[in-house]
Protein backbone atom coordinates (compact mmCIF):
# COMPACT_ATOMS: atom_id res chain seq x y z
CA THR A 1 -23.37 2.68 -4.38
CA HIS A 2 -24.56 5.74 -5.67
CA PRO A 3 -24.80 6.03 -9.39
CA ALA A 4 -23.15 9.80 -9.49
CA ALA A 5 -20.35 8.58 -7.06
CA GLN A 6 -19.87 5.46 -9.30
CA ALA A 7 -19.60 7.81 -12.51
CA TRP A 8 -17.50 10.23 -11.01
CA LEU A 9 -15.04 7.23 -9.92
CA ARG A 10 -15.10 5.87 -13.50
CA ASP A 11 -14.37 9.31 -15.12
CA THR A 12 -11.81 10.18 -12.73
CA LEU A 13 -9.90 6.86 -13.49
CA GLU A 14 -10.37 7.45 -17.32
CA THR A 15 -9.07 11.04 -17.14
CA VAL A 16 -5.99 10.09 -15.10
CA THR A 17 -5.10 6.95 -17.56
CA LYS A 18 -6.45 7.89 -20.70
CA GLU A 19 -6.16 11.73 -20.76
CA TRP A 20 -2.97 12.09 -18.68
CA GLY A 21 -1.31 8.99 -19.79
CA PHE A 22 -0.37 7.63 -16.22
CA ASP A 23 -0.13 3.59 -16.48
CA TYR A 24 0.90 2.81 -12.90
CA LEU A 25 -1.92 3.78 -10.10
CA LYS A 26 -0.93 3.68 -6.57
CA LEU A 27 -4.54 4.06 -4.84
CA ASP A 28 -4.28 5.17 -1.25
CA PHE A 29 -6.65 4.73 1.87
CA LEU A 30 -8.95 2.34 0.05
CA PHE A 31 -10.67 1.15 3.14
CA GLY A 32 -12.40 4.41 3.52
CA ALA A 33 -14.82 2.96 1.10
CA ALA A 34 -16.02 0.37 3.55
CA LEU A 35 -16.14 2.68 6.72
CA THR A 36 -19.86 2.55 8.53
CA GLY A 37 -22.25 5.12 6.66
CA VAL A 38 -25.38 5.37 5.07
CA ARG A 39 -25.02 4.27 1.44
CA TYR A 40 -27.44 4.69 -1.51
CA ASP A 41 -28.30 1.26 -1.74
CA PRO A 42 -29.07 0.23 1.98
CA ARG A 43 -28.76 -3.52 0.99
CA ALA A 44 -25.15 -3.44 0.15
CA THR A 45 -23.03 -4.42 2.93
CA ARG A 46 -19.72 -2.46 3.38
CA ALA A 47 -17.61 -4.94 1.65
CA GLN A 48 -20.05 -5.31 -1.22
CA ALA A 49 -20.09 -1.24 -1.46
CA TYR A 50 -16.06 -1.43 -1.30
CA ARG A 51 -15.81 -4.37 -3.76
CA ARG A 52 -18.31 -2.56 -6.27
CA GLY A 53 -15.97 0.64 -6.27
CA LEU A 54 -13.06 -1.37 -6.95
CA GLU A 55 -14.52 -3.06 -9.87
CA ILE A 56 -15.23 0.29 -11.18
CA LEU A 57 -11.55 1.48 -10.67
CA ARG A 58 -10.54 -1.67 -12.38
CA GLN A 59 -12.70 -1.39 -15.57
CA ALA A 60 -11.81 2.23 -15.83
CA ALA A 61 -7.92 1.46 -15.59
CA GLY A 62 -7.81 -1.32 -18.13
CA ASP A 63 -4.79 -3.15 -18.19
CA ARG A 64 -2.88 -0.46 -16.46
CA LEU A 65 -1.03 -1.68 -13.22
CA MET A 66 -2.75 -0.92 -10.29
CA MET A 67 -1.52 -1.07 -6.47
CA ALA A 68 -3.93 -0.97 -3.44
CA CYS A 69 -2.94 0.67 -0.40
CA ILE A 70 -4.51 0.36 3.40
CA ALA A 71 -6.71 -1.92 1.68
CA HIS A 72 -9.18 -4.51 2.94
CA VAL A 73 -7.22 -7.77 1.83
CA GLY A 74 -10.07 -9.80 1.09
CA ALA A 75 -12.58 -7.91 -1.06
CA THR A 76 -9.43 -6.51 -3.03
CA ILE A 77 -8.28 -10.10 -4.17
CA GLY A 78 -8.29 -10.45 -8.10
CA LEU A 79 -8.56 -6.94 -9.02
CA PHE A 80 -5.03 -5.16 -8.35
CA GLU A 81 -1.57 -6.20 -9.43
CA ALA A 82 0.05 -5.08 -6.41
CA CYS A 83 -1.27 -4.34 -2.83
CA ARG A 84 0.69 -2.86 0.35
CA ILE A 85 0.85 -5.78 2.75
CA GLY A 86 1.37 -3.92 5.86
CA PRO A 87 1.08 -0.37 7.72
CA ASP A 88 3.44 2.29 6.55
CA VAL A 89 6.96 1.93 7.87
CA ALA A 90 8.33 5.09 9.61
CA PRO A 91 11.82 6.60 10.82
CA ALA A 92 11.14 4.96 14.22
CA TRP A 93 10.71 1.62 15.70
CA ARG A 94 7.30 2.35 17.36
CA MET A 95 5.01 5.36 16.85
CA SER A 96 2.23 6.57 19.26
CA TRP A 97 -1.13 6.27 17.72
CA PRO A 98 -4.64 7.26 18.40
CA GLY A 99 -6.10 4.38 16.60
CA SER A 100 -5.88 0.55 16.47
CA PRO A 101 -2.34 -0.52 17.36
CA LEU A 102 -2.59 -2.81 14.56
CA ALA A 103 -2.65 -0.25 11.99
CA ALA A 104 -0.25 1.88 13.35
CA PRO A 105 2.74 3.42 11.56
CA GLY A 106 5.86 2.14 12.68
CA THR A 107 8.74 0.09 11.32
CA GLU A 108 8.11 -2.97 14.10
CA ASN A 109 4.41 -3.13 13.22
CA ALA A 110 5.29 -2.99 9.66
CA LEU A 111 7.68 -6.06 9.69
CA ARG A 112 5.53 -7.86 12.06
CA THR A 113 2.55 -7.69 9.22
CA VAL A 114 4.69 -8.20 6.07
CA LEU A 115 6.23 -11.36 7.86
CA ALA A 116 2.69 -12.64 8.15
CA ARG A 117 1.55 -11.73 4.71
CA TYR A 118 4.75 -12.72 2.81
CA TRP A 119 2.99 -15.56 1.30
CA MET A 120 0.80 -13.47 -0.61
CA HIS A 121 3.49 -12.66 -3.18
CA GLY A 122 2.75 -14.51 -6.32
CA ASN A 123 -0.33 -15.74 -5.05
CA LEU A 124 -2.53 -12.83 -4.94
CA TRP A 125 -0.37 -10.01 -6.44
CA LEU A 126 2.85 -8.49 -6.09
CA ASN A 127 3.67 -7.59 -2.44
CA ASP A 128 4.33 -3.68 -1.35
CA PRO A 129 5.83 -3.99 1.77
CA ASP A 130 6.09 -0.07 1.75
CA CYS A 131 9.60 1.61 1.33
CA LEU A 132 13.04 0.83 2.46
CA LEU A 133 14.10 3.79 4.73
CA LEU A 134 17.85 3.80 4.64
CA ARG A 135 18.60 7.75 5.83
CA ASP A 136 21.38 8.59 8.19
CA ASN A 137 19.48 11.49 9.61
CA GLU A 138 16.07 12.29 10.51
CA THR A 139 15.49 8.83 11.59
CA ALA A 140 15.44 6.89 15.15
CA LEU A 141 15.96 3.71 13.25
CA THR A 142 19.58 2.16 14.14
CA LEU A 143 21.67 0.44 11.58
CA ASP A 144 20.88 -2.78 12.72
CA GLU A 145 16.99 -1.82 12.65
CA THR A 146 17.66 -0.78 9.03
CA ARG A 147 19.39 -3.84 8.01
CA LEU A 148 16.45 -6.00 9.42
CA LEU A 149 13.89 -3.81 7.45
CA ALA A 150 15.93 -4.53 4.32
CA THR A 151 16.29 -8.01 5.03
CA VAL A 152 12.36 -8.34 5.70
CA ILE A 153 11.43 -6.13 2.66
CA ALA A 154 13.75 -8.77 0.41
CA LEU A 155 11.95 -11.80 2.25
CA SER A 156 8.33 -10.72 1.23
CA GLY A 157 9.18 -11.14 -2.46
CA GLY A 158 7.66 -8.26 -3.89
CA MET A 159 8.64 -4.78 -4.67
CA ALA A 160 11.42 -2.51 -3.41
CA PHE A 161 10.64 1.13 -3.09
CA LEU A 162 13.53 3.49 -1.97
CA SER A 163 12.08 6.95 -0.36
CA ASP A 164 15.74 8.35 0.39
CA ASN A 165 17.97 10.91 -1.44
CA LEU A 166 20.51 8.32 -2.37
CA PRO A 167 23.47 10.71 -2.98
CA LYS A 168 23.13 12.09 0.64
CA LEU A 169 23.40 8.17 2.27
CA SER A 170 26.58 7.23 4.06
CA PRO A 171 28.26 4.39 2.03
CA GLU A 172 27.37 1.98 4.97
CA ARG A 173 23.71 2.77 4.31
CA LEU A 174 23.87 2.96 0.53
CA GLN A 175 25.38 -0.75 0.56
CA ILE A 176 22.22 -2.15 2.16
CA ALA A 177 20.15 -0.98 -1.07
CA SER A 178 22.72 -2.60 -3.34
CA LEU A 179 22.32 -5.93 -1.71
């Protein structure tokens, strides 16, 4: 809520879009703007302060595509064309996590959340269920778990991002991406 912070947000987005020419902006860890803290405007709730910041970003970005990640869903509606709808996937079914188990990265948790939020696609924004991990190595996901991940990403109706080096994938795993 501080005017100098608001000006910094505006100036930064205008630099990224107008001077550097970016037309797709993935803005991550947005929830941080709503954390408990002291604000310049003491009357602003956490959600109000968060929303004000997002409105500045939207205005500065103009008609460029913006994707919100790790965002508060309700206060983000109407300002972004796309939104991550679950926690990060990981090359493991479950991962230990010091914070809330609902926010823990891991494929199981990501799939559960994506399935609960699939309906948002086309109604609120383009869904981003996170990337499809197809890799054969540096993963604890079985082939069946990888197929399930691909299926749920498809069911989300939203965007599909691949994060692996495709020429290094086995034909069996590469075929999953072609479906």
